[in-house]
Amino acid sequence: METKTNTQPTIDPRFKIAHREAWIGVGLAIFNFIWWFGFAYGLGSRPVEEYTYILGLPDWFFYSCVVGFVLISALVIFVVKFILKEVSFEEEGEQAP
């Protein structure tokens, strides 16, 4: 009788790391969109006569585009420095020259 062995390929642990980091990137993009949409359409849906201005820009534009850009940039820098991991592209067993 022939016995069957489990021939499941082993998954490279780098794929697990890449998958997690991809979801972090998706989360940042969704957060950025919600921030932008909330301020742009939340504050921007008022009549023009009711706008307040910050540095000469309508408040909805300032918060959605200027503050949003600075906030997302800071979040991306934080994530890259403290959360993402450096992963070698070399196959296991390969030696770099």
Protein backbone atom coordinates (compact mmCIF):
# COMPACT_ATOMS: atom_id res chain seq x y z
CA MET A 1 0.00 0.00 0.00
CA GLU A 2 1.11 3.45 -0.82
CA THR A 3 1.01 6.05 1.92
CA LYS A 4 0.29 9.60 0.99
CA THR A 5 2.44 12.27 2.49
CA ASN A 6 1.38 15.82 3.01
CA THR A 7 3.04 17.68 0.16
CA GLN A 8 1.88 21.14 1.14
CA PRO A 9 4.51 23.64 0.05
CA THR A 10 6.02 25.65 2.86
CA ILE A 11 5.04 29.27 2.69
CA ASP A 12 7.87 31.74 2.76
CA PRO A 13 7.52 33.87 5.93
CA ARG A 14 8.24 36.97 3.83
CA PHE A 15 4.80 36.60 2.24
CA LYS A 16 3.14 36.86 5.66
CA ILE A 17 5.10 40.04 6.40
CA ALA A 18 4.32 41.49 2.97
CA HIS A 19 0.63 40.67 3.36
CA ARG A 20 0.46 42.41 6.75
CA GLU A 21 2.30 45.45 5.43
CA ALA A 22 0.02 45.63 2.40
CA TRP A 23 -3.01 45.77 4.72
CA ILE A 24 -1.32 48.56 6.69
CA GLY A 25 -0.94 50.49 3.43
CA VAL A 26 -4.57 49.90 2.54
CA GLY A 27 -5.59 51.10 6.00
CA LEU A 28 -3.57 54.29 5.59
CA ALA A 29 -5.14 54.94 2.18
CA ILE A 30 -8.66 54.41 3.55
CA PHE A 31 -7.92 56.68 6.52
CA ASN A 32 -6.60 59.34 4.12
CA PHE A 33 -9.74 59.14 1.98
CA ILE A 34 -12.08 59.32 4.98
CA TRP A 35 -10.17 62.32 6.37
CA TRP A 36 -10.24 64.12 3.02
CA PHE A 37 -13.87 63.27 2.24
CA GLY A 38 -15.08 64.18 5.72
CA PHE A 39 -13.58 67.65 5.72
CA ALA A 40 -14.00 68.42 2.02
CA TYR A 41 -17.67 67.48 1.85
CA GLY A 42 -18.52 67.99 5.51
CA LEU A 43 -17.31 71.56 5.81
CA GLY A 44 -17.40 72.29 2.08
CA SER A 45 -21.11 71.63 1.68
CA ARG A 46 -22.04 74.89 3.40
CA PRO A 47 -22.96 77.99 1.43
CA VAL A 48 -19.90 79.99 0.36
CA GLU A 49 -20.98 82.94 2.51
CA GLU A 50 -20.53 80.80 5.65
CA TYR A 51 -16.94 79.71 4.88
CA THR A 52 -14.21 80.70 7.29
CA TYR A 53 -10.69 81.12 6.00
CA ILE A 54 -7.35 79.92 7.35
CA LEU A 55 -4.22 81.40 5.74
CA GLY A 56 -6.43 82.63 2.90
CA LEU A 57 -7.80 79.15 2.18
CA PRO A 58 -11.34 77.97 2.89
CA ASP A 59 -11.37 75.99 6.12
CA TRP A 60 -12.63 72.81 4.40
CA PHE A 61 -9.72 72.93 1.93
CA PHE A 62 -7.17 73.73 4.64
CA TYR A 63 -8.24 70.82 6.85
CA SER A 64 -8.81 68.28 4.08
CA CYS A 65 -5.81 69.01 1.87
CA VAL A 66 -3.16 70.87 3.89
CA VAL A 67 -3.60 69.32 7.35
CA GLY A 68 -4.54 65.97 5.80
CA PHE A 69 -1.34 65.90 3.74
CA VAL A 70 0.83 66.74 6.76
CA LEU A 71 -0.97 64.17 8.95
CA ILE A 72 -0.79 61.36 6.40
CA SER A 73 2.87 62.14 5.65
CA ALA A 74 3.67 61.93 9.38
CA LEU A 75 1.73 58.67 9.71
CA VAL A 76 3.53 57.12 6.74
CA ILE A 77 6.92 58.16 8.12
CA PHE A 78 6.00 56.68 11.53
CA VAL A 79 4.79 53.41 9.98
CA VAL A 80 7.89 53.04 7.81
CA LYS A 81 10.31 53.78 10.66
CA PHE A 82 8.66 51.83 13.47
CA ILE A 83 6.24 49.22 12.11
CA LEU A 84 7.44 47.91 8.74
CA LYS A 85 10.26 45.37 8.74
CA GLU A 86 13.24 45.14 6.45
CA VAL A 87 13.06 41.85 4.58
CA SER A 88 15.89 40.29 2.59
CA PHE A 89 15.16 39.56 -1.06
CA GLU A 90 17.72 36.74 -1.08
CA GLU A 91 16.41 33.19 -1.21
CA GLU A 92 17.18 31.06 1.82
CA GLY A 93 20.50 29.35 1.30
CA GLU A 94 21.73 31.90 -1.25
CA GLN A 95 24.91 33.67 -0.41
CA ALA A 96 25.47 37.27 -1.42
CA PRO A 97 28.83 37.74 -3.17
